[in-house]
Amino acid sequence: MIIISLLNLFLRGVQLYSFVLVAYALMSWFPGAYDTKVGQFIIKISRPYLSLFDRFNLSIGPIDFTIIVALFVLNFASEGLAMFLNRILFGI
């Protein structure tokens, strides 16, 4: 069905965006990685979502847990939405 295909496409998009967030976190380990074209693109698509979590001050000392919390929220919300739609549409 088309609904299942759209749901799978949505979940694949969330998975791809999760990889982008992980790449954003890993770029902090490499000097100058944010200055490349790929780095600028990753920043451009990651910062709007990550900025939602900046107000919670999720850093403890030098360690910032913002990306980890953002990944958990993103994946938890997408799986919850998928389960909700399955229950509503198919009674599963």
PDB file of N, CA and C in Angstrom:
ATOM      1  N   MET A   1       0.836  -1.189   0.000  1.00  0.00           N
ATOM      2  CA  MET A   1       0.000   0.000   0.000  1.00  0.00           C
ATOM      3  C   MET A   1       0.877   1.248   0.000  1.00  0.00           C
ATOM      4  N   ILE A   2       0.284   2.325  -0.418  1.00  0.00           N
ATOM      5  CA  ILE A   2       1.023   3.581  -0.508  1.00  0.00           C
ATOM      6  C   ILE A   2       1.340   4.155   0.874  1.00  0.00           C
ATOM      7  N   ILE A   3       0.476   3.901   1.853  1.00  0.00           N
ATOM      8  CA  ILE A   3       0.708   4.420   3.205  1.00  0.00           C
ATOM      9  C   ILE A   3       1.931   3.761   3.824  1.00  0.00           C
ATOM     10  N   ILE A   4       2.075   2.461   3.613  1.00  0.00           N
ATOM     11  CA  ILE A   4       3.233   1.752   4.142  1.00  0.00           C
ATOM     12  C   ILE A   4       4.504   2.254   3.467  1.00  0.00           C
ATOM     13  N   SER A   5       4.434   2.502   2.174  1.00  0.00           N
ATOM     14  CA  SER A   5       5.595   3.017   1.447  1.00  0.00           C
ATOM     15  C   SER A   5       5.987   4.403   1.948  1.00  0.00           C
ATOM     16  N   LEU A   6       5.007   5.255   2.196  1.00  0.00           N
ATOM     17  CA  LEU A   6       5.295   6.594   2.718  1.00  0.00           C
ATOM     18  C   LEU A   6       5.877   6.535   4.124  1.00  0.00           C
ATOM     19  N   LEU A   7       5.352   5.637   4.942  1.00  0.00           N
ATOM     20  CA  LEU A   7       5.876   5.478   6.294  1.00  0.00           C
ATOM     21  C   LEU A   7       7.314   4.975   6.263  1.00  0.00           C
ATOM     22  N   ASN A   8       7.603   4.010   5.391  1.00  0.00           N
ATOM     23  CA  ASN A   8       8.976   3.523   5.247  1.00  0.00           C
ATOM     24  C   ASN A   8       9.902   4.612   4.735  1.00  0.00           C
ATOM     25  N   LEU A   9       9.435   5.427   3.816  1.00  0.00           N
ATOM     26  CA  LEU A   9      10.236   6.543   3.306  1.00  0.00           C
ATOM     27  C   LEU A   9      10.526   7.550   4.416  1.00  0.00           C
ATOM     28  N   PHE A  10       9.519   7.819   5.243  1.00  0.00           N
ATOM     29  CA  PHE A  10       9.702   8.727   6.365  1.00  0.00           C
ATOM     30  C   PHE A  10      10.738   8.182   7.341  1.00  0.00           C
ATOM     31  N   LEU A  11      10.635   6.889   7.674  1.00  0.00           N
ATOM     32  CA  LEU A  11      11.583   6.288   8.607  1.00  0.00           C
ATOM     33  C   LEU A  11      12.997   6.257   8.034  1.00  0.00           C
ATOM     34  N   ARG A  12      13.131   6.060   6.738  1.00  0.00           N
ATOM     35  CA  ARG A  12      14.451   6.117   6.090  1.00  0.00           C
ATOM     36  C   ARG A  12      15.014   7.537   6.144  1.00  0.00           C
ATOM     37  N   GLY A  13      14.156   8.519   5.972  1.00  0.00           N
ATOM     38  CA  GLY A  13      14.601   9.916   6.075  1.00  0.00           C
ATOM     39  C   GLY A  13      15.081  10.253   7.476  1.00  0.00           C
ATOM     40  N   VAL A  14      14.386   9.755   8.487  1.00  0.00           N
ATOM     41  CA  VAL A  14      14.807   9.972   9.870  1.00  0.00           C
ATOM     42  C   VAL A  14      16.143   9.286  10.117  1.00  0.00           C
ATOM     43  N   GLN A  15      16.314   8.095   9.576  1.00  0.00           N
ATOM     44  CA  GLN A  15      17.572   7.375   9.727  1.00  0.00           C
ATOM     45  C   GLN A  15      18.717   8.133   9.052  1.00  0.00           C
ATOM     46  N   LEU A  16      18.473   8.654   7.869  1.00  0.00           N
ATOM     47  CA  LEU A  16      19.485   9.440   7.161  1.00  0.00           C
ATOM     48  C   LEU A  16      19.828  10.706   7.936  1.00  0.00           C
ATOM     49  N   TYR A  17      18.827  11.375   8.486  1.00  0.00           N
ATOM     50  CA  TYR A  17      19.074  12.581   9.268  1.00  0.00           C
ATOM     51  C   TYR A  17      19.840  12.251  10.549  1.00  0.00           C
ATOM     52  N   SER A  18      19.594  11.085  11.121  1.00  0.00           N
ATOM     53  CA  SER A  18      20.360  10.653  12.289  1.00  0.00           C
ATOM     54  C   SER A  18      21.830  10.485  11.936  1.00  0.00           C
ATOM     55  N   PHE A  19      22.111   9.936  10.762  1.00  0.00           N
ATOM     56  CA  PHE A  19      23.496   9.813  10.310  1.00  0.00           C
ATOM     57  C   PHE A  19      24.141  11.182  10.119  1.00  0.00           C
ATOM     58  N   VAL A  20      23.366  12.133   9.628  1.00  0.00           N
ATOM     59  CA  VAL A  20      23.888  13.500   9.464  1.00  0.00           C
ATOM     60  C   VAL A  20      24.229  14.098  10.826  1.00  0.00           C
ATOM     61  N   LEU A  21      23.396  13.866  11.819  1.00  0.00           N
ATOM     62  CA  LEU A  21      23.677  14.378  13.166  1.00  0.00           C
ATOM     63  C   LEU A  21      24.925  13.728  13.758  1.00  0.00           C
ATOM     64  N   VAL A  22      25.107  12.446  13.512  1.00  0.00           N
ATOM     65  CA  VAL A  22      26.313  11.767  13.989  1.00  0.00           C
ATOM     66  C   VAL A  22      27.538  12.327  13.272  1.00  0.00           C
ATOM     67  N   ALA A  23      27.424  12.580  11.971  1.00  0.00           N
ATOM     68  CA  ALA A  23      28.532  13.178  11.226  1.00  0.00           C
ATOM     69  C   ALA A  23      28.857  14.565  11.766  1.00  0.00           C
ATOM     70  N   TYR A  24      27.843  15.320  12.138  1.00  0.00           N
ATOM     71  CA  TYR A  24      28.051  16.643  12.737  1.00  0.00           C
ATOM     72  C   TYR A  24      28.849  16.524  14.034  1.00  0.00           C
ATOM     73  N   ALA A  25      28.501  15.532  14.844  1.00  0.00           N
ATOM     74  CA  ALA A  25      29.215  15.333  16.103  1.00  0.00           C
ATOM     75  C   ALA A  25      30.651  14.896  15.856  1.00  0.00           C
ATOM     76  N   LEU A  26      30.858  14.013  14.906  1.00  0.00           N
ATOM     77  CA  LEU A  26      32.203  13.517  14.628  1.00  0.00           C
ATOM     78  C   LEU A  26      33.108  14.579  14.001  1.00  0.00           C
ATOM     79  N   MET A  27      32.520  15.527  13.308  1.00  0.00           N
ATOM     80  CA  MET A  27      33.326  16.586  12.692  1.00  0.00           C
ATOM     81  C   MET A  27      34.025  17.446  13.731  1.00  0.00           C
ATOM     82  N   SER A  28      33.519  17.470  14.952  1.00  0.00           N
ATOM     83  CA  SER A  28      34.158  18.276  15.992  1.00  0.00           C
ATOM     84  C   SER A  28      35.511  17.706  16.390  1.00  0.00           C
ATOM     85  N   TRP A  29      35.782  16.462  16.050  1.00  0.00           N
ATOM     86  CA  TRP A  29      37.063  15.843  16.379  1.00  0.00           C
ATOM     87  C   TRP A  29      38.160  16.204  15.387  1.00  0.00           C
ATOM     88  N   PHE A  30      37.781  16.729  14.229  1.00  0.00           N
ATOM     89  CA  PHE A  30      38.750  17.016  13.176  1.00  0.00           C
ATOM     90  C   PHE A  30      38.843  18.515  12.948  1.00  0.00           C
ATOM     91  N   PRO A  31      40.020  19.080  13.161  1.00  0.00           N
ATOM     92  CA  PRO A  31      40.178  20.529  12.963  1.00  0.00           C
ATOM     93  C   PRO A  31      39.900  20.923  11.506  1.00  0.00           C
ATOM     94  N   GLY A  32      39.119  21.934  11.331  1.00  0.00           N
ATOM     95  CA  GLY A  32      38.821  22.445   9.997  1.00  0.00           C
ATOM     96  C   GLY A  32      37.732  21.699   9.257  1.00  0.00           C
ATOM     97  N   ALA A  33      37.144  20.683   9.864  1.00  0.00           N
ATOM     98  CA  ALA A  33      36.117  19.905   9.171  1.00  0.00           C
ATOM     99  C   ALA A  33      34.860  20.735   8.922  1.00  0.00           C
ATOM    100  N   TYR A  34      34.570  21.674   9.816  1.00  0.00           N
ATOM    101  CA  TYR A  34      33.389  22.516   9.635  1.00  0.00           C
ATOM    102  C   TYR A  34      33.574  23.540   8.520  1.00  0.00           C
ATOM    103  N   ASP A  35      34.818  23.774   8.106  1.00  0.00           N
ATOM    104  CA  ASP A  35      35.094  24.783   7.085  1.00  0.00           C
ATOM    105  C   ASP A  35      34.999  24.251   5.663  1.00  0.00           C
ATOM    106  N   THR A  36      34.860  22.942   5.492  1.00  0.00           N
ATOM    107  CA  THR A  36      34.750  22.371   4.161  1.00  0.00           C
ATOM    108  C   THR A  36      33.329  22.565   3.622  1.00  0.00           C
ATOM    109  N   LYS A  37      33.149  22.320   2.349  1.00  0.00           N
ATOM    110  CA  LYS A  37      31.808  22.435   1.740  1.00  0.00           C
ATOM    111  C   LYS A  37      30.844  21.426   2.351  1.00  0.00           C
ATOM    112  N   VAL A  38      31.316  20.199   2.557  1.00  0.00           N
ATOM    113  CA  VAL A  38      30.466  19.176   3.161  1.00  0.00           C
ATOM    114  C   VAL A  38      30.132  19.570   4.600  1.00  0.00           C
ATOM    115  N   GLY A  39      31.118  20.081   5.318  1.00  0.00           N
ATOM    116  CA  GLY A  39      30.890  20.521   6.692  1.00  0.00           C
ATOM    117  C   GLY A  39      29.881  21.648   6.772  1.00  0.00           C
ATOM    118  N   GLN A  40      29.970  22.589   5.869  1.00  0.00           N
ATOM    119  CA  GLN A  40      29.014  23.700   5.846  1.00  0.00           C
ATOM    120  C   GLN A  40      27.608  23.201   5.540  1.00  0.00           C
ATOM    121  N   PHE A  41      27.498  22.225   4.633  1.00  0.00           N
ATOM    122  CA  PHE A  41      26.190  21.660   4.310  1.00  0.00           C
ATOM    123  C   PHE A  41      25.595  20.931   5.520  1.00  0.00           C
ATOM    124  N   ILE A  42      26.422  20.147   6.211  1.00  0.00           N
ATOM    125  CA  ILE A  42      25.946  19.419   7.386  1.00  0.00           C
ATOM    126  C   ILE A  42      25.522  20.386   8.483  1.00  0.00           C
ATOM    127  N   ILE A  43      26.281  21.454   8.679  1.00  0.00           N
ATOM    128  CA  ILE A  43      25.900  22.471   9.661  1.00  0.00           C
ATOM    129  C   ILE A  43      24.567  23.102   9.289  1.00  0.00           C
ATOM    130  N   LYS A  44      24.411  23.403   8.010  1.00  0.00           N
ATOM    131  CA  LYS A  44      23.194  24.082   7.538  1.00  0.00           C
ATOM    132  C   LYS A  44      21.934  23.250   7.788  1.00  0.00           C
ATOM    133  N   ILE A  45      22.034  21.931   7.663  1.00  0.00           N
ATOM    134  CA  ILE A  45      20.837  21.116   7.856  1.00  0.00           C
ATOM    135  C   ILE A  45      20.710  20.590   9.283  1.00  0.00           C
ATOM    136  N   SER A  46      21.777  20.643  10.075  1.00  0.00           N
ATOM    137  CA  SER A  46      21.725  20.134  11.445  1.00  0.00           C
ATOM    138  C   SER A  46      21.360  21.191  12.473  1.00  0.00           C
ATOM    139  N   ARG A  47      21.863  22.386  12.313  1.00  0.00           N
ATOM    140  CA  ARG A  47      21.696  23.421  13.341  1.00  0.00           C
ATOM    141  C   ARG A  47      20.236  23.795  13.640  1.00  0.00           C
ATOM    142  N   PRO A  48      19.342  23.861  12.670  1.00  0.00           N
ATOM    143  CA  PRO A  48      17.956  24.213  13.038  1.00  0.00           C
ATOM    144  C   PRO A  48      17.338  23.233  14.037  1.00  0.00           C
ATOM    145  N   TYR A  49      17.581  21.946  13.848  1.00  0.00           N
ATOM    146  CA  TYR A  49      17.038  20.959  14.787  1.00  0.00           C
ATOM    147  C   TYR A  49      17.787  20.992  16.117  1.00  0.00           C
ATOM    148  N   LEU A  50      19.102  21.083  16.071  1.00  0.00           N
ATOM    149  CA  LEU A  50      19.890  21.087  17.306  1.00  0.00           C
ATOM    150  C   LEU A  50      19.655  22.343  18.134  1.00  0.00           C
ATOM    151  N   SER A  51      19.310  23.431  17.482  1.00  0.00           N
ATOM    152  CA  SER A  51      19.075  24.664  18.227  1.00  0.00           C
ATOM    153  C   SER A  51      17.845  24.561  19.139  1.00  0.00           C
ATOM    154  N   LEU A  52      16.946  23.620  18.851  1.00  0.00           N
ATOM    155  CA  LEU A  52      15.797  23.399  19.736  1.00  0.00           C
ATOM    156  C   LEU A  52      16.238  22.902  21.113  1.00  0.00           C
ATOM    157  N   PHE A  53      17.382  22.236  21.176  1.00  0.00           N
ATOM    158  CA  PHE A  53      17.860  21.653  22.417  1.00  0.00           C
ATOM    159  C   PHE A  53      18.899  22.515  23.120  1.00  0.00           C
ATOM    160  N   ASP A  54      19.330  23.596  22.505  1.00  0.00           N
ATOM    161  CA  ASP A  54      20.359  24.450  23.094  1.00  0.00           C
ATOM    162  C   ASP A  54      19.893  25.128  24.372  1.00  0.00           C
ATOM    163  N   ARG A  55      18.626  25.384  24.503  1.00  0.00           N
ATOM    164  CA  ARG A  55      18.120  26.095  25.680  1.00  0.00           C
ATOM    165  C   ARG A  55      18.119  25.242  26.944  1.00  0.00           C
ATOM    166  N   PHE A  56      18.319  23.920  26.801  1.00  0.00           N
ATOM    167  CA  PHE A  56      18.261  23.030  27.960  1.00  0.00           C
ATOM    168  C   PHE A  56      19.600  22.871  28.677  1.00  0.00           C
ATOM    169  N   ASN A  57      20.675  23.448  28.138  1.00  0.00           N
ATOM    170  CA  ASN A  57      22.003  23.385  28.747  1.00  0.00           C
ATOM    171  C   ASN A  57      22.363  21.940  29.096  1.00  0.00           C
ATOM    172  N   LEU A  58      22.575  21.141  28.078  1.00  0.00           N
ATOM    173  CA  LEU A  58      22.835  19.721  28.239  1.00  0.00           C
ATOM    174  C   LEU A  58      24.316  19.385  28.293  1.00  0.00           C
ATOM    175  N   SER A  59      25.144  20.354  28.622  1.00  0.00           N
ATOM    176  CA  SER A  59      26.570  20.076  28.732  1.00  0.00           C
ATOM    177  C   SER A  59      26.956  19.955  30.200  1.00  0.00           C
ATOM    178  N   ILE A  60      27.798  18.974  30.459  1.00  0.00           N
ATOM    179  CA  ILE A  60      28.343  18.752  31.795  1.00  0.00           C
ATOM    180  C   ILE A  60      29.854  18.856  31.660  1.00  0.00           C
ATOM    181  N   GLY A  61      30.403  19.936  32.151  1.00  0.00           N
ATOM    182  CA  GLY A  61      31.827  20.188  31.978  1.00  0.00           C
ATOM    183  C   GLY A  61      32.127  20.392  30.502  1.00  0.00           C
ATOM    184  N   PRO A  62      33.156  19.713  29.993  1.00  0.00           N
ATOM    185  CA  PRO A  62      33.501  19.881  28.578  1.00  0.00           C
ATOM    186  C   PRO A  62      32.685  18.992  27.633  1.00  0.00           C
ATOM    187  N   ILE A  63      31.821  18.150  28.175  1.00  0.00           N
ATOM    188  CA  ILE A  63      31.070  17.205  27.350  1.00  0.00           C
ATOM    189  C   ILE A  63      29.670  17.745  27.109  1.00  0.00           C
ATOM    190  N   ASP A  64      29.296  17.799  25.819  1.00  0.00           N
ATOM    191  CA  ASP A  64      27.977  18.293  25.429  1.00  0.00           C
ATOM    192  C   ASP A  64      27.111  17.111  24.990  1.00  0.00           C
ATOM    193  N   PHE A  65      26.001  16.925  25.651  1.00  0.00           N
ATOM    194  CA  PHE A  65      25.099  15.810  25.360  1.00  0.00           C
ATOM    195  C   PHE A  65      23.924  16.221  24.478  1.00  0.00           C
ATOM    196  N   THR A  66      23.984  17.393  23.882  1.00  0.00           N
ATOM    197  CA  THR A  66      22.878  17.890  23.068  1.00  0.00           C
ATOM    198  C   THR A  66      22.569  16.962  21.900  1.00  0.00           C
ATOM    199  N   ILE A  67      23.588  16.518  21.193  1.00  0.00           N
ATOM    200  CA  ILE A  67      23.366  15.684  20.012  1.00  0.00           C
ATOM    201  C   ILE A  67      22.803  14.324  20.419  1.00  0.00           C
ATOM    202  N   ILE A  68      23.282  13.778  21.518  1.00  0.00           N
ATOM    203  CA  ILE A  68      22.781  12.479  21.971  1.00  0.00           C
ATOM    204  C   ILE A  68      21.299  12.577  22.333  1.00  0.00           C
ATOM    205  N   VAL A  69      20.937  13.609  23.061  1.00  0.00           N
ATOM    206  CA  VAL A  69      19.529  13.799  23.431  1.00  0.00           C
ATOM    207  C   VAL A  69      18.686  14.052  22.179  1.00  0.00           C
ATOM    208  N   ALA A  70      19.208  14.848  21.253  1.00  0.00           N
ATOM    209  CA  ALA A  70      18.475  15.131  20.013  1.00  0.00           C
ATOM    210  C   ALA A  70      18.249  13.852  19.203  1.00  0.00           C
ATOM    211  N   LEU A  71      19.245  12.984  19.160  1.00  0.00           N
ATOM    212  CA  LEU A  71      19.088  11.712  18.449  1.00  0.00           C
ATOM    213  C   LEU A  71      18.036  10.824  19.121  1.00  0.00           C
ATOM    214  N   PHE A  72      18.073  10.741  20.447  1.00  0.00           N
ATOM    215  CA  PHE A  72      17.072   9.951  21.153  1.00  0.00           C
ATOM    216  C   PHE A  72      15.664  10.486  20.908  1.00  0.00           C
ATOM    217  N   VAL A  73      15.502  11.785  20.985  1.00  0.00           N
ATOM    218  CA  VAL A  73      14.175  12.384  20.780  1.00  0.00           C
ATOM    219  C   VAL A  73      13.691  12.144  19.353  1.00  0.00           C
ATOM    220  N   LEU A  74      14.572  12.337  18.379  1.00  0.00           N
ATOM    221  CA  LEU A  74      14.204  12.147  16.978  1.00  0.00           C
ATOM    222  C   LEU A  74      13.772  10.710  16.712  1.00  0.00           C
ATOM    223  N   ASN A  75      14.563   9.761  17.157  1.00  0.00           N
ATOM    224  CA  ASN A  75      14.234   8.356  16.898  1.00  0.00           C
ATOM    225  C   ASN A  75      13.037   7.882  17.714  1.00  0.00           C
ATOM    226  N   PHE A  76      12.928   8.332  18.949  1.00  0.00           N
ATOM    227  CA  PHE A  76      11.776   7.962  19.777  1.00  0.00           C
ATOM    228  C   PHE A  76      10.486   8.518  19.177  1.00  0.00           C
ATOM    229  N   ALA A  77      10.516   9.763  18.731  1.00  0.00           N
ATOM    230  CA  ALA A  77       9.321  10.378  18.148  1.00  0.00           C
ATOM    231  C   ALA A  77       8.933   9.714  16.830  1.00  0.00           C
ATOM    232  N   SER A  78       9.911   9.387  15.998  1.00  0.00           N
ATOM    233  CA  SER A  78       9.578   8.769  14.711  1.00  0.00           C
ATOM    234  C   SER A  78       9.028   7.355  14.901  1.00  0.00           C
ATOM    235  N   GLU A  79       9.621   6.588  15.808  1.00  0.00           N
ATOM    236  CA  GLU A  79       9.097   5.249  16.067  1.00  0.00           C
ATOM    237  C   GLU A  79       7.722   5.312  16.729  1.00  0.00           C
ATOM    238  N   GLY A  80       7.534   6.279  17.614  1.00  0.00           N
ATOM    239  CA  GLY A  80       6.218   6.450  18.227  1.00  0.00           C
ATOM    240  C   GLY A  80       5.162   6.813  17.208  1.00  0.00           C
ATOM    241  N   LEU A  81       5.512   7.695  16.281  1.00  0.00           N
ATOM    242  CA  LEU A  81       4.580   8.068  15.214  1.00  0.00           C
ATOM    243  C   LEU A  81       4.256   6.869  14.336  1.00  0.00           C
ATOM    244  N   ALA A  82       5.271   6.068  14.017  1.00  0.00           N
ATOM    245  CA  ALA A  82       5.039   4.883  13.192  1.00  0.00           C
ATOM    246  C   ALA A  82       4.125   3.888  13.900  1.00  0.00           C
ATOM    247  N   MET A  83       4.348   3.674  15.186  1.00  0.00           N
ATOM    248  CA  MET A  83       3.487   2.762  15.942  1.00  0.00           C
ATOM    249  C   MET A  83       2.062   3.298  16.036  1.00  0.00           C
ATOM    250  N   PHE A  84       1.932   4.609  16.240  1.00  0.00           N
ATOM    251  CA  PHE A  84       0.615   5.232  16.320  1.00  0.00           C
ATOM    252  C   PHE A  84      -0.142   5.077  15.003  1.00  0.00           C
ATOM    253  N   LEU A  85       0.532   5.346  13.883  1.00  0.00           N
ATOM    254  CA  LEU A  85      -0.128   5.217  12.578  1.00  0.00           C
ATOM    255  C   LEU A  85      -0.481   3.771  12.275  1.00  0.00           C
ATOM    256  N   ASN A  86       0.386   2.828  12.640  1.00  0.00           N
ATOM    257  CA  ASN A  86       0.045   1.409  12.443  1.00  0.00           C
ATOM    258  C   ASN A  86      -1.192   1.026  13.239  1.00  0.00           C
ATOM    259  N   ARG A  87      -1.280   1.505  14.460  1.00  0.00           N
ATOM    260  CA  ARG A  87      -2.432   1.175  15.301  1.00  0.00           C
ATOM    261  C   ARG A  87      -3.702   1.803  14.762  1.00  0.00           C
ATOM    262  N   ILE A  88      -3.624   3.054  14.328  1.00  0.00           N
ATOM    263  CA  ILE A  88      -4.804   3.755  13.824  1.00  0.00           C
ATOM    264  C   ILE A  88      -5.258   3.176  12.487  1.00  0.00           C
ATOM    265  N   LEU A  89      -4.311   2.985  11.563  1.00  0.00           N
ATOM    266  CA  LEU A  89      -4.677   2.594  10.207  1.00  0.00           C
ATOM    267  C   LEU A  89      -4.942   1.093  10.060  1.00  0.00           C
ATOM    268  N   PHE A  90      -4.174   0.284  10.784  1.00  0.00           N
ATOM    269  CA  PHE A  90      -4.257  -1.153  10.542  1.00  0.00           C
ATOM    270  C   PHE A  90      -4.697  -1.950  11.761  1.00  0.00           C
ATOM    271  N   GLY A  91      -4.847  -1.295  12.905  1.00  0.00           N
ATOM    272  CA  GLY A  91      -5.277  -1.978  14.108  1.00  0.00           C
ATOM    273  C   GLY A  91      -4.231  -2.924  14.683  1.00  0.00           C
ATOM    274  N   ILE A  92      -2.981  -2.697  14.323  1.00  0.00           N
ATOM    275  CA  ILE A  92      -1.896  -3.576  14.783  1.00  0.00           C
ATOM    276  C   ILE A  92      -1.399  -3.097  16.126  1.00  0.00           C
TER     277      ILE A  92
END
